[in-house]
Amino acid sequence: MVEQVDSRYPARTNYQDTAEAERYDARRLRSPLDRMFHNTELKAIRRAVGSMPAEWSVLELPSGTGRTLVPLAQHFRQVHGVDISDQMLAVAGRRFADAKNVQLSRANGEALPFKDNEFQAAFSIRLFGHTPPEVRRNILKEMARVTSEKLAIMFYVLDPLINLRKKVQYVIRPPKGPWYPIESMAATEQLIDSLGFKIASVHSLLPGVMQSRMVIAKKRK
């Protein structure tokens, strides 16, 4: 059953449609620029996992079609992918049909069905630009609750020059929904601190081109 659309957060329900889920990867990677961004994201994820023990059990939210789950599955002993869309999970299920270290399940990121500290690390890529601030905070609180060591989060940090480029880009290709970049790295640090974590490193993806920042945070003991 498709959940009611929140006009502030259409990404929550946009992919609860079989046709949309089936064409997601092709649409996401349709141009050379799209493929360059995708490869840059994968490189940032591999850089992040390289500093984490392979024996860890980790969470990714949302797992989508499994596009960004691949480098996690290649590195970690156990990977649990969570998404709110059964349709996206079906695509991911085919991708990882033979992967014994990958589990997939449907869950709402604001109320994760896992125990405190169940995972050593939790990852989130391409989510927090789509979520209003209060939803972003709720999901991050849940991710922090179920994680004992590290968070690896892709934040989208407001940059005036990139914002101007996006306005031009949106004339050619209108956005699929509203966008919620975080206002500054200082605000990002405050948010991470409020979760009981401390930023260990920040990696900017294509500075001056992308708003993306891969933030690695370590839990305060």
N, C-alpha and C. Protein backbone atom coordinates (compact mmCIF):
# COMPACT_ATOMS: atom_id res chain seq x y z
N MET A 1 0.83 -1.19 0.00
CA MET A 1 0.00 0.00 0.00
C MET A 1 0.88 1.25 0.00
N VAL A 2 0.64 2.15 -0.95
CA VAL A 2 1.44 3.36 -1.08
C VAL A 2 1.06 4.34 0.02
N GLU A 3 2.07 4.85 0.71
CA GLU A 3 1.81 5.78 1.80
C GLU A 3 1.47 7.15 1.25
N GLN A 4 0.77 7.94 2.05
CA GLN A 4 0.35 9.26 1.63
C GLN A 4 1.57 10.14 1.37
N VAL A 5 1.52 10.90 0.26
CA VAL A 5 2.63 11.76 -0.12
C VAL A 5 2.68 12.98 0.78
N ASP A 6 3.85 13.27 1.30
CA ASP A 6 4.12 14.50 2.03
C ASP A 6 4.72 15.46 1.03
N SER A 7 4.04 16.59 0.76
CA SER A 7 4.49 17.51 -0.28
C SER A 7 5.88 18.07 0.02
N ARG A 8 6.29 18.04 1.30
CA ARG A 8 7.62 18.52 1.65
C ARG A 8 8.67 17.45 1.42
N TYR A 9 8.26 16.23 1.22
CA TYR A 9 9.17 15.09 1.25
C TYR A 9 8.70 14.03 0.25
N PRO A 10 8.55 14.40 -1.03
CA PRO A 10 8.03 13.44 -2.01
C PRO A 10 8.95 12.26 -2.26
N ALA A 11 10.25 12.40 -1.95
CA ALA A 11 11.17 11.27 -2.14
C ALA A 11 10.76 10.07 -1.30
N ARG A 12 9.97 10.31 -0.26
CA ARG A 12 9.50 9.22 0.59
C ARG A 12 8.62 8.24 -0.18
N THR A 13 7.87 8.76 -1.15
CA THR A 13 6.92 7.89 -1.85
C THR A 13 7.13 7.82 -3.36
N ASN A 14 8.05 8.63 -3.90
CA ASN A 14 8.25 8.65 -5.35
C ASN A 14 8.59 7.29 -5.93
N TYR A 15 9.29 6.47 -5.17
CA TYR A 15 9.80 5.21 -5.72
C TYR A 15 8.98 4.00 -5.29
N GLN A 16 7.80 4.26 -4.73
CA GLN A 16 6.90 3.16 -4.39
C GLN A 16 5.99 2.87 -5.58
N ASP A 17 6.65 2.67 -6.70
CA ASP A 17 6.00 2.40 -7.97
C ASP A 17 6.94 1.48 -8.75
N THR A 18 6.43 0.37 -9.24
CA THR A 18 7.27 -0.63 -9.86
C THR A 18 8.00 -0.10 -11.08
N ALA A 19 7.29 0.62 -11.96
CA ALA A 19 7.93 1.14 -13.17
C ALA A 19 9.03 2.13 -12.84
N GLU A 20 8.79 2.99 -11.86
CA GLU A 20 9.79 3.98 -11.46
C GLU A 20 11.02 3.29 -10.87
N ALA A 21 10.81 2.28 -10.05
CA ALA A 21 11.93 1.55 -9.46
C ALA A 21 12.74 0.82 -10.54
N GLU A 22 12.06 0.23 -11.50
CA GLU A 22 12.74 -0.54 -12.54
C GLU A 22 13.60 0.35 -13.43
N ARG A 23 13.20 1.59 -13.65
CA ARG A 23 13.98 2.46 -14.53
C ARG A 23 14.91 3.40 -13.77
N TYR A 24 14.96 3.25 -12.45
CA TYR A 24 15.73 4.19 -11.64
C TYR A 24 17.21 4.23 -12.04
N ASP A 25 17.87 3.08 -12.11
CA ASP A 25 19.29 3.06 -12.40
C ASP A 25 19.59 3.65 -13.78
N ALA A 26 18.79 3.28 -14.77
CA ALA A 26 19.01 3.80 -16.12
C ALA A 26 18.83 5.32 -16.15
N ARG A 27 17.84 5.82 -15.42
CA ARG A 27 17.62 7.27 -15.38
C ARG A 27 18.73 7.97 -14.62
N ARG A 28 19.17 7.36 -13.53
CA ARG A 28 20.21 7.97 -12.70
C ARG A 28 21.54 8.05 -13.44
N LEU A 29 21.78 7.12 -14.37
CA LEU A 29 23.07 7.03 -15.05
C LEU A 29 22.96 7.33 -16.54
N ARG A 30 22.00 8.16 -16.93
CA ARG A 30 21.72 8.32 -18.36
C ARG A 30 22.71 9.20 -19.12
N SER A 31 23.42 10.09 -18.44
CA SER A 31 24.34 10.99 -19.14
C SER A 31 25.76 10.79 -18.64
N PRO A 32 26.77 11.21 -19.42
CA PRO A 32 28.16 11.12 -18.94
C PRO A 32 28.37 11.85 -17.62
N LEU A 33 27.70 13.00 -17.43
CA LEU A 33 27.82 13.74 -16.17
C LEU A 33 27.23 12.95 -15.01
N ASP A 34 26.07 12.33 -15.24
CA ASP A 34 25.45 11.49 -14.20
C ASP A 34 26.39 10.35 -13.81
N ARG A 35 27.00 9.74 -14.80
CA ARG A 35 27.89 8.60 -14.52
C ARG A 35 29.15 9.06 -13.80
N MET A 36 29.63 10.27 -14.12
CA MET A 36 30.78 10.80 -13.41
C MET A 36 30.44 11.03 -11.94
N PHE A 37 29.25 11.62 -11.66
CA PHE A 37 28.83 11.84 -10.27
C PHE A 37 28.70 10.51 -9.54
N HIS A 38 28.12 9.53 -10.21
CA HIS A 38 27.95 8.20 -9.61
C HIS A 38 29.30 7.60 -9.24
N ASN A 39 30.26 7.65 -10.14
CA ASN A 39 31.58 7.08 -9.88
C ASN A 39 32.29 7.85 -8.77
N THR A 40 32.07 9.16 -8.71
CA THR A 40 32.67 9.96 -7.65
C THR A 40 32.09 9.56 -6.29
N GLU A 41 30.78 9.29 -6.24
CA GLU A 41 30.15 8.84 -5.00
C GLU A 41 30.70 7.48 -4.57
N LEU A 42 30.82 6.55 -5.52
CA LEU A 42 31.35 5.23 -5.20
C LEU A 42 32.79 5.32 -4.67
N LYS A 43 33.56 6.20 -5.28
CA LYS A 43 34.94 6.40 -4.82
C LYS A 43 34.97 6.91 -3.38
N ALA A 44 34.06 7.84 -3.06
CA ALA A 44 33.99 8.38 -1.70
C ALA A 44 33.58 7.30 -0.70
N ILE A 45 32.65 6.43 -1.10
CA ILE A 45 32.22 5.34 -0.22
C ILE A 45 33.38 4.37 0.02
N ARG A 46 34.09 4.01 -1.04
CA ARG A 46 35.23 3.09 -0.89
C ARG A 46 36.31 3.70 -0.01
N ARG A 47 36.50 4.99 -0.14
CA ARG A 47 37.47 5.67 0.71
C ARG A 47 37.04 5.58 2.17
N ALA A 48 35.75 5.72 2.42
CA ALA A 48 35.24 5.66 3.79
C ALA A 48 35.36 4.25 4.36
N VAL A 49 34.98 3.24 3.61
CA VAL A 49 35.01 1.87 4.14
C VAL A 49 36.43 1.36 4.33
N GLY A 50 37.37 1.94 3.59
CA GLY A 50 38.75 1.49 3.68
C GLY A 50 39.35 1.64 5.06
N SER A 51 38.80 2.54 5.87
CA SER A 51 39.32 2.75 7.22
C SER A 51 38.53 1.96 8.27
N MET A 52 37.60 1.11 7.83
CA MET A 52 36.75 0.36 8.76
C MET A 52 37.02 -1.13 8.65
N PRO A 53 37.01 -1.85 9.76
CA PRO A 53 37.29 -3.29 9.74
C PRO A 53 36.29 -4.07 8.90
N ALA A 54 36.79 -5.02 8.14
CA ALA A 54 35.93 -5.82 7.27
C ALA A 54 34.96 -6.70 8.06
N GLU A 55 35.29 -6.99 9.32
CA GLU A 55 34.41 -7.87 10.11
C GLU A 55 33.19 -7.15 10.67
N TRP A 56 33.09 -5.87 10.47
CA TRP A 56 31.95 -5.12 10.98
C TRP A 56 30.64 -5.51 10.28
N SER A 57 29.55 -5.34 11.00
CA SER A 57 28.20 -5.43 10.45
C SER A 57 27.69 -4.00 10.30
N VAL A 58 27.22 -3.65 9.09
CA VAL A 58 26.86 -2.25 8.83
C VAL A 58 25.46 -2.13 8.23
N LEU A 59 24.93 -0.92 8.36
CA LEU A 59 23.60 -0.58 7.86
C LEU A 59 23.74 0.45 6.75
N GLU A 60 22.93 0.32 5.71
CA GLU A 60 22.79 1.41 4.73
C GLU A 60 21.33 1.79 4.61
N LEU A 61 21.08 3.09 4.64
CA LEU A 61 19.72 3.63 4.58
C LEU A 61 19.74 4.94 3.78
N PRO A 62 18.96 5.05 2.71
CA PRO A 62 18.19 3.98 2.07
C PRO A 62 19.08 3.16 1.14
N SER A 63 18.74 1.92 0.97
CA SER A 63 19.54 1.06 0.10
C SER A 63 19.10 1.15 -1.35
N GLY A 64 17.86 1.63 -1.60
CA GLY A 64 17.40 1.80 -2.98
C GLY A 64 17.53 0.54 -3.79
N THR A 65 18.05 0.67 -5.01
CA THR A 65 18.24 -0.48 -5.89
C THR A 65 19.55 -1.20 -5.60
N GLY A 66 20.28 -0.73 -4.60
CA GLY A 66 21.55 -1.36 -4.26
C GLY A 66 22.74 -0.74 -4.95
N ARG A 67 22.53 0.38 -5.63
CA ARG A 67 23.59 1.02 -6.40
C ARG A 67 24.79 1.38 -5.52
N THR A 68 24.53 1.98 -4.37
CA THR A 68 25.63 2.37 -3.48
C THR A 68 25.91 1.32 -2.40
N LEU A 69 25.15 0.25 -2.42
CA LEU A 69 25.38 -0.85 -1.48
C LEU A 69 26.53 -1.75 -1.94
N VAL A 70 26.83 -1.68 -3.24
CA VAL A 70 27.84 -2.58 -3.82
C VAL A 70 29.19 -2.49 -3.11
N PRO A 71 29.80 -1.30 -2.94
CA PRO A 71 31.11 -1.27 -2.27
C PRO A 71 31.05 -1.71 -0.82
N LEU A 72 29.90 -1.57 -0.17
CA LEU A 72 29.76 -2.05 1.20
C LEU A 72 29.76 -3.58 1.22
N ALA A 73 29.01 -4.17 0.29
CA ALA A 73 28.94 -5.64 0.22
C ALA A 73 30.28 -6.25 -0.14
N GLN A 74 31.10 -5.51 -0.88
CA GLN A 74 32.41 -6.02 -1.27
C GLN A 74 33.41 -5.98 -0.12
N HIS A 75 33.12 -5.17 0.91
CA HIS A 75 34.10 -4.98 1.98
C HIS A 75 33.71 -5.64 3.31
N PHE A 76 32.43 -5.52 3.69
CA PHE A 76 32.04 -5.89 5.05
C PHE A 76 31.51 -7.33 5.16
N ARG A 77 31.67 -7.87 6.35
CA ARG A 77 31.18 -9.22 6.65
C ARG A 77 29.68 -9.32 6.49
N GLN A 78 28.95 -8.29 6.97
CA GLN A 78 27.49 -8.31 6.93
C GLN A 78 26.97 -6.90 6.63
N VAL A 79 26.09 -6.82 5.68
CA VAL A 79 25.50 -5.54 5.28
C VAL A 79 23.99 -5.67 5.30
N HIS A 80 23.34 -4.73 5.97
CA HIS A 80 21.87 -4.72 6.03
C HIS A 80 21.39 -3.46 5.34
N GLY A 81 20.70 -3.63 4.22
CA GLY A 81 20.14 -2.50 3.47
C GLY A 81 18.68 -2.30 3.82
N VAL A 82 18.32 -1.06 4.10
CA VAL A 82 16.94 -0.72 4.48
C VAL A 82 16.40 0.33 3.52
N ASP A 83 15.16 0.14 3.12
CA ASP A 83 14.49 1.13 2.28
C ASP A 83 13.00 1.12 2.61
N ILE A 84 12.35 2.25 2.33
CA ILE A 84 10.91 2.32 2.60
C ILE A 84 10.08 1.80 1.43
N SER A 85 10.77 1.55 0.29
CA SER A 85 10.07 1.12 -0.93
C SER A 85 10.29 -0.36 -1.21
N ASP A 86 9.21 -1.13 -1.18
CA ASP A 86 9.28 -2.55 -1.56
C ASP A 86 9.75 -2.71 -3.00
N GLN A 87 9.34 -1.77 -3.85
CA GLN A 87 9.67 -1.85 -5.28
C GLN A 87 11.17 -1.68 -5.51
N MET A 88 11.79 -0.74 -4.81
CA MET A 88 13.24 -0.56 -4.93
C MET A 88 13.97 -1.76 -4.34
N LEU A 89 13.46 -2.28 -3.24
CA LEU A 89 14.06 -3.46 -2.62
C LEU A 89 14.01 -4.68 -3.53
N ALA A 90 12.96 -4.76 -4.34
CA ALA A 90 12.85 -5.89 -5.27
C ALA A 90 13.97 -5.83 -6.30
N VAL A 91 14.28 -4.64 -6.79
CA VAL A 91 15.38 -4.47 -7.74
C VAL A 91 16.71 -4.82 -7.07
N ALA A 92 16.91 -4.32 -5.85
CA ALA A 92 18.13 -4.62 -5.10
C ALA A 92 18.24 -6.11 -4.82
N GLY A 93 17.11 -6.76 -4.54
CA GLY A 93 17.12 -8.19 -4.25
C GLY A 93 17.65 -9.00 -5.42
N ARG A 94 17.31 -8.60 -6.63
CA ARG A 94 17.85 -9.29 -7.81
C ARG A 94 19.36 -9.04 -7.94
N ARG A 95 19.78 -7.83 -7.64
CA ARG A 95 21.20 -7.47 -7.76
C ARG A 95 22.04 -8.30 -6.80
N PHE A 96 21.51 -8.56 -5.60
CA PHE A 96 22.29 -9.26 -4.57
C PHE A 96 21.76 -10.67 -4.31
N ALA A 97 21.14 -11.25 -5.30
CA ALA A 97 20.52 -12.58 -5.12
C ALA A 97 21.52 -13.62 -4.65
N ASP A 98 22.78 -13.50 -5.07
CA ASP A 98 23.79 -14.51 -4.72
C ASP A 98 24.73 -14.04 -3.61
N ALA A 99 24.46 -12.87 -3.02
CA ALA A 99 25.34 -12.33 -1.99
C ALA A 99 24.89 -12.80 -0.62
N LYS A 100 25.67 -13.65 0.01
CA LYS A 100 25.28 -14.23 1.29
C LYS A 100 25.46 -13.25 2.46
N ASN A 101 26.19 -12.17 2.25
CA ASN A 101 26.43 -11.21 3.33
C ASN A 101 25.51 -10.00 3.28
N VAL A 102 24.50 -10.04 2.42
CA VAL A 102 23.59 -8.90 2.27
C VAL A 102 22.17 -9.29 2.67
N GLN A 103 21.61 -8.51 3.57
CA GLN A 103 20.20 -8.63 3.95
C GLN A 103 19.48 -7.34 3.57
N LEU A 104 18.25 -7.46 3.13
CA LEU A 104 17.45 -6.30 2.74
C LEU A 104 16.12 -6.34 3.47
N SER A 105 15.66 -5.18 3.93
CA SER A 105 14.35 -5.16 4.58
C SER A 105 13.72 -3.78 4.43
N ARG A 106 12.39 -3.78 4.52
CA ARG A 106 11.64 -2.54 4.43
C ARG A 106 11.50 -1.95 5.83
N ALA A 107 11.80 -0.65 5.95
CA ALA A 107 11.65 0.02 7.24
C ALA A 107 11.60 1.52 7.01
N ASN A 108 10.97 2.20 7.93
CA ASN A 108 10.92 3.66 7.96
C ASN A 108 12.15 4.14 8.72
N GLY A 109 12.93 5.01 8.10
CA GLY A 109 14.15 5.49 8.73
C GLY A 109 13.93 6.24 10.02
N GLU A 110 12.72 6.75 10.24
CA GLU A 110 12.43 7.48 11.47
C GLU A 110 12.05 6.55 12.62
N ALA A 111 11.95 5.24 12.33
CA ALA A 111 11.62 4.27 13.39
C ALA A 111 12.23 2.92 13.00
N LEU A 112 13.54 2.81 13.12
CA LEU A 112 14.24 1.60 12.68
C LEU A 112 13.98 0.42 13.63
N PRO A 113 13.73 -0.76 13.08
CA PRO A 113 13.40 -1.94 13.90
C PRO A 113 14.64 -2.71 14.36
N PHE A 114 15.64 -1.99 14.86
CA PHE A 114 16.88 -2.62 15.29
C PHE A 114 17.20 -2.23 16.73
N LYS A 115 18.01 -3.05 17.38
CA LYS A 115 18.41 -2.78 18.76
C LYS A 115 19.44 -1.66 18.80
N ASP A 116 19.59 -1.05 19.97
CA ASP A 116 20.65 -0.06 20.17
C ASP A 116 22.00 -0.70 19.86
N ASN A 117 22.84 0.02 19.13
CA ASN A 117 24.20 -0.41 18.81
C ASN A 117 24.27 -1.75 18.08
N GLU A 118 23.25 -2.06 17.29
CA GLU A 118 23.24 -3.34 16.58
C GLU A 118 24.30 -3.41 15.47
N PHE A 119 24.64 -2.26 14.91
CA PHE A 119 25.63 -2.20 13.83
C PHE A 119 26.85 -1.41 14.28
N GLN A 120 27.99 -1.76 13.71
CA GLN A 120 29.19 -0.99 14.02
C GLN A 120 29.24 0.33 13.24
N ALA A 121 28.66 0.34 12.06
CA ALA A 121 28.64 1.57 11.25
C ALA A 121 27.33 1.66 10.49
N ALA A 122 26.95 2.89 10.14
CA ALA A 122 25.75 3.13 9.34
C ALA A 122 26.08 4.15 8.26
N PHE A 123 25.60 3.88 7.06
CA PHE A 123 25.86 4.72 5.90
C PHE A 123 24.56 5.30 5.36
N SER A 124 24.65 6.51 4.83
CA SER A 124 23.51 7.09 4.11
C SER A 124 24.05 7.98 3.00
N ILE A 125 23.65 7.64 1.76
CA ILE A 125 24.07 8.37 0.57
C ILE A 125 22.82 8.85 -0.16
N ARG A 126 22.84 10.07 -0.65
CA ARG A 126 21.74 10.61 -1.48
C ARG A 126 20.38 10.57 -0.78
N LEU A 127 20.34 10.90 0.48
CA LEU A 127 19.06 11.00 1.18
C LEU A 127 18.83 12.40 1.73
N PHE A 128 19.82 12.96 2.39
CA PHE A 128 19.55 14.11 3.24
C PHE A 128 19.42 15.44 2.50
N GLY A 129 19.58 15.42 1.19
CA GLY A 129 19.17 16.58 0.40
C GLY A 129 17.67 16.59 0.14
N HIS A 130 17.05 15.43 0.29
CA HIS A 130 15.62 15.29 -0.01
C HIS A 130 14.73 15.45 1.21
N THR A 131 15.31 15.46 2.40
CA THR A 131 14.50 15.42 3.62
C THR A 131 14.45 16.78 4.31
N PRO A 132 13.26 17.24 4.71
CA PRO A 132 13.17 18.47 5.51
C PRO A 132 13.98 18.32 6.79
N PRO A 133 14.44 19.43 7.37
CA PRO A 133 15.34 19.36 8.54
C PRO A 133 14.84 18.49 9.69
N GLU A 134 13.54 18.56 10.00
CA GLU A 134 13.05 17.77 11.14
C GLU A 134 13.07 16.27 10.83
N VAL A 135 12.80 15.92 9.56
CA VAL A 135 12.86 14.50 9.16
C VAL A 135 14.32 14.03 9.16
N ARG A 136 15.19 14.86 8.64
CA ARG A 136 16.63 14.55 8.64
C ARG A 136 17.12 14.26 10.06
N ARG A 137 16.74 15.11 10.99
CA ARG A 137 17.17 14.92 12.38
C ARG A 137 16.62 13.61 12.95
N ASN A 138 15.34 13.32 12.68
CA ASN A 138 14.73 12.08 13.20
C ASN A 138 15.45 10.84 12.67
N ILE A 139 15.75 10.84 11.38
CA ILE A 139 16.42 9.68 10.79
C ILE A 139 17.83 9.55 11.35
N LEU A 140 18.54 10.66 11.46
CA LEU A 140 19.90 10.62 12.00
C LEU A 140 19.93 10.13 13.45
N LYS A 141 18.94 10.53 14.23
CA LYS A 141 18.86 10.06 15.62
C LYS A 141 18.70 8.54 15.67
N GLU A 142 17.89 8.01 14.77
CA GLU A 142 17.71 6.56 14.72
C GLU A 142 18.98 5.85 14.25
N MET A 143 19.64 6.43 13.24
CA MET A 143 20.89 5.83 12.77
C MET A 143 21.94 5.84 13.88
N ALA A 144 22.01 6.95 14.62
CA ALA A 144 22.97 7.04 15.73
C ALA A 144 22.64 6.03 16.82
N ARG A 145 21.35 5.82 17.07
CA ARG A 145 20.93 4.89 18.13
C ARG A 145 21.39 3.47 17.84
N VAL A 146 21.30 3.04 16.58
CA VAL A 146 21.58 1.64 16.25
C VAL A 146 23.05 1.41 15.89
N THR A 147 23.88 2.45 16.02
CA THR A 147 25.27 2.38 15.59
C THR A 147 26.22 2.54 16.77
N SER A 148 27.22 1.66 16.85
CA SER A 148 28.13 1.70 18.00
C SER A 148 29.46 2.39 17.74
N GLU A 149 29.83 2.57 16.46
CA GLU A 149 31.16 3.11 16.19
C GLU A 149 31.15 4.34 15.27
N LYS A 150 30.71 4.17 14.03
CA LYS A 150 30.87 5.25 13.06
C LYS A 150 29.62 5.46 12.20
N LEU A 151 29.40 6.73 11.84
CA LEU A 151 28.43 7.12 10.83
C LEU A 151 29.19 7.62 9.61
N ALA A 152 28.74 7.24 8.43
CA ALA A 152 29.28 7.76 7.18
C ALA A 152 28.09 8.34 6.41
N ILE A 153 28.00 9.66 6.41
CA ILE A 153 26.81 10.34 5.90
C ILE A 153 27.19 11.30 4.78
N MET A 154 26.46 11.24 3.66
CA MET A 154 26.63 12.22 2.62
C MET A 154 25.67 13.38 2.91
N PHE A 155 26.26 14.52 3.26
CA PHE A 155 25.48 15.73 3.45
C PHE A 155 25.63 16.62 2.22
N TYR A 156 24.63 17.45 1.99
CA TYR A 156 24.65 18.40 0.89
C TYR A 156 24.67 19.79 1.50
N VAL A 157 25.82 20.45 1.40
CA VAL A 157 26.05 21.69 2.11
C VAL A 157 25.90 22.87 1.16
N LEU A 158 25.11 23.85 1.58
CA LEU A 158 24.78 25.00 0.74
C LEU A 158 26.03 25.73 0.30
N ASP A 159 26.11 26.00 -1.00
CA ASP A 159 27.22 26.74 -1.59
C ASP A 159 26.61 27.69 -2.62
N PRO A 160 26.78 29.01 -2.47
CA PRO A 160 26.12 29.98 -3.36
C PRO A 160 26.42 29.78 -4.83
N LEU A 161 27.69 29.47 -5.17
CA LEU A 161 28.04 29.30 -6.58
C LEU A 161 27.40 28.04 -7.17
N ILE A 162 27.42 26.96 -6.38
CA ILE A 162 26.79 25.72 -6.85
C ILE A 162 25.28 25.92 -6.95
N ASN A 163 24.72 26.68 -6.02
CA ASN A 163 23.29 26.95 -6.05
C ASN A 163 22.90 27.67 -7.34
N LEU A 164 23.73 28.61 -7.78
CA LEU A 164 23.47 29.33 -9.03
C LEU A 164 23.52 28.38 -10.21
N ARG A 165 24.51 27.48 -10.21
CA ARG A 165 24.59 26.49 -11.28
C ARG A 165 23.37 25.60 -11.31
N LYS A 166 22.90 25.20 -10.14
CA LYS A 166 21.73 24.34 -10.07
C LYS A 166 20.49 25.03 -10.65
N LYS A 167 20.36 26.33 -10.40
CA LYS A 167 19.21 27.06 -10.93
C LYS A 167 19.21 27.02 -12.46
N VAL A 168 20.40 27.16 -13.06
CA VAL A 168 20.51 27.07 -14.51
C VAL A 168 20.21 25.65 -14.97
N GLN A 169 20.76 24.68 -14.26
CA GLN A 169 20.55 23.27 -14.60
C GLN A 169 19.07 22.91 -14.54
N TYR A 170 18.36 23.46 -13.56
CA TYR A 170 16.95 23.12 -13.38
C TYR A 170 16.06 23.68 -14.49
N VAL A 171 16.55 24.69 -15.20
CA VAL A 171 15.81 25.19 -16.36
C VAL A 171 15.79 24.11 -17.44
N ILE A 172 16.92 23.39 -17.57
CA ILE A 172 17.03 22.34 -18.58
C ILE A 172 16.38 21.05 -18.09
N ARG A 173 16.65 20.71 -16.83
CA ARG A 173 16.12 19.47 -16.24
C ARG A 173 15.52 19.81 -14.89
N PRO A 174 14.21 20.04 -14.83
CA PRO A 174 13.58 20.42 -13.56
C PRO A 174 13.81 19.35 -12.49
N PRO A 175 13.98 19.78 -11.23
CA PRO A 175 14.18 18.82 -10.15
C PRO A 175 12.94 17.97 -9.92
N LYS A 176 13.14 16.78 -9.40
CA LYS A 176 12.02 15.87 -9.16
C LYS A 176 11.22 16.27 -7.92
N GLY A 177 11.83 17.06 -7.04
CA GLY A 177 11.14 17.48 -5.83
C GLY A 177 11.95 18.55 -5.13
N PRO A 178 11.51 18.99 -3.96
CA PRO A 178 12.25 20.02 -3.22
C PRO A 178 13.61 19.52 -2.76
N TRP A 179 14.51 20.47 -2.50
CA TRP A 179 15.87 20.13 -2.12
C TRP A 179 16.20 20.85 -0.82
N TYR A 180 16.84 20.14 0.11
CA TYR A 180 17.09 20.68 1.45
C TYR A 180 18.57 20.56 1.83
N PRO A 181 19.44 21.35 1.22
CA PRO A 181 20.84 21.32 1.66
C PRO A 181 20.97 21.89 3.07
N ILE A 182 21.98 21.43 3.79
CA ILE A 182 22.22 21.97 5.12
C ILE A 182 22.99 23.29 4.94
N GLU A 183 22.76 24.26 5.84
CA GLU A 183 23.22 25.63 5.57
C GLU A 183 24.73 25.83 5.63
N SER A 184 25.46 25.01 6.37
CA SER A 184 26.91 25.21 6.49
C SER A 184 27.54 23.98 7.13
N MET A 185 28.87 23.90 7.05
CA MET A 185 29.57 22.82 7.74
C MET A 185 29.49 23.01 9.25
N ALA A 186 29.42 24.26 9.71
CA ALA A 186 29.26 24.50 11.15
C ALA A 186 27.95 23.91 11.64
N ALA A 187 26.88 24.08 10.86
CA ALA A 187 25.58 23.50 11.22
C ALA A 187 25.64 21.98 11.17
N THR A 188 26.39 21.43 10.24
CA THR A 188 26.57 19.98 10.15
C THR A 188 27.28 19.46 11.39
N GLU A 189 28.31 20.16 11.81
CA GLU A 189 29.06 19.74 13.01
C GLU A 189 28.18 19.79 14.25
N GLN A 190 27.34 20.82 14.36
CA GLN A 190 26.43 20.92 15.50
C GLN A 190 25.43 19.77 15.51
N LEU A 191 24.93 19.43 14.32
CA LEU A 191 23.98 18.34 14.21
C LEU A 191 24.62 17.01 14.62
N ILE A 192 25.80 16.74 14.10
CA ILE A 192 26.52 15.51 14.45
C ILE A 192 26.80 15.46 15.95
N ASP A 193 27.21 16.58 16.52
CA ASP A 193 27.51 16.64 17.95
C ASP A 193 26.28 16.33 18.80
N SER A 194 25.11 16.79 18.33
CA SER A 194 23.87 16.55 19.07
C SER A 194 23.47 15.07 19.09
N LEU A 195 24.05 14.29 18.19
CA LEU A 195 23.76 12.86 18.11
C LEU A 195 24.68 12.03 19.01
N GLY A 196 25.64 12.70 19.65
CA GLY A 196 26.61 11.97 20.46
C GLY A 196 27.79 11.47 19.66
N PHE A 197 28.03 12.08 18.50
CA PHE A 197 29.15 11.72 17.64
C PHE A 197 30.05 12.94 17.44
N LYS A 198 31.27 12.69 16.99
CA LYS A 198 32.21 13.75 16.68
C LYS A 198 32.77 13.52 15.27
N ILE A 199 32.79 14.57 14.46
CA ILE A 199 33.29 14.44 13.10
C ILE A 199 34.77 14.07 13.12
N ALA A 200 35.11 13.00 12.39
CA ALA A 200 36.49 12.54 12.29
C ALA A 200 37.13 13.03 10.99
N SER A 201 36.33 13.11 9.93
CA SER A 201 36.86 13.57 8.65
C SER A 201 35.72 14.04 7.75
N VAL A 202 36.07 14.94 6.83
CA VAL A 202 35.12 15.43 5.83
C VAL A 202 35.82 15.39 4.48
N HIS A 203 35.15 14.80 3.50
CA HIS A 203 35.70 14.74 2.15
C HIS A 203 34.71 15.39 1.19
N SER A 204 35.15 16.45 0.52
CA SER A 204 34.30 17.13 -0.46
C SER A 204 34.40 16.42 -1.81
N LEU A 205 33.26 16.13 -2.39
CA LEU A 205 33.23 15.49 -3.70
C LEU A 205 33.16 16.58 -4.76
N LEU A 206 34.13 16.62 -5.64
CA LEU A 206 34.19 17.61 -6.73
C LEU A 206 33.89 19.02 -6.21
N PRO A 207 34.77 19.59 -5.41
CA PRO A 207 34.56 20.93 -4.86
C PRO A 207 34.26 21.96 -5.96
N GLY A 208 33.27 22.81 -5.69
CA GLY A 208 32.85 23.80 -6.65
C GLY A 208 31.87 23.29 -7.69
N VAL A 209 31.66 21.96 -7.70
CA VAL A 209 30.73 21.35 -8.66
C VAL A 209 29.57 20.68 -7.94
N MET A 210 29.88 19.92 -6.87
CA MET A 210 28.86 19.20 -6.12
C MET A 210 28.77 19.75 -4.70
N GLN A 211 27.57 19.73 -4.14
CA GLN A 211 27.36 20.12 -2.75
C GLN A 211 27.75 19.00 -1.78
N SER A 212 28.05 17.84 -2.31
CA SER A 212 28.23 16.63 -1.50
C SER A 212 29.47 16.69 -0.62
N ARG A 213 29.28 16.32 0.65
CA ARG A 213 30.37 16.16 1.60
C ARG A 213 30.19 14.81 2.28
N MET A 214 31.19 13.94 2.17
CA MET A 214 31.16 12.68 2.89
C MET A 214 31.71 12.93 4.29
N VAL A 215 30.84 12.82 5.28
CA VAL A 215 31.21 13.08 6.67
C VAL A 215 31.33 11.76 7.42
N ILE A 216 32.50 11.51 7.98
CA ILE A 216 32.71 10.34 8.83
C ILE A 216 32.73 10.82 10.27
N ALA A 217 31.85 10.25 11.10
CA ALA A 217 31.76 10.67 12.50
C ALA A 217 31.92 9.45 13.40
N LYS A 218 32.60 9.66 14.52
CA LYS A 218 32.86 8.58 15.48
C LYS A 218 32.05 8.82 16.74
N LYS A 219 31.45 7.74 17.27
CA LYS A 219 30.63 7.85 18.46
C LYS A 219 31.47 8.20 19.68
N ARG A 220 30.96 9.14 20.47
CA ARG A 220 31.63 9.51 21.72
C ARG A 220 31.43 8.38 22.73
N LYS A 221 32.45 8.01 23.41
CA LYS A 221 32.37 6.91 24.39
C LYS A 221 32.23 7.45 25.80
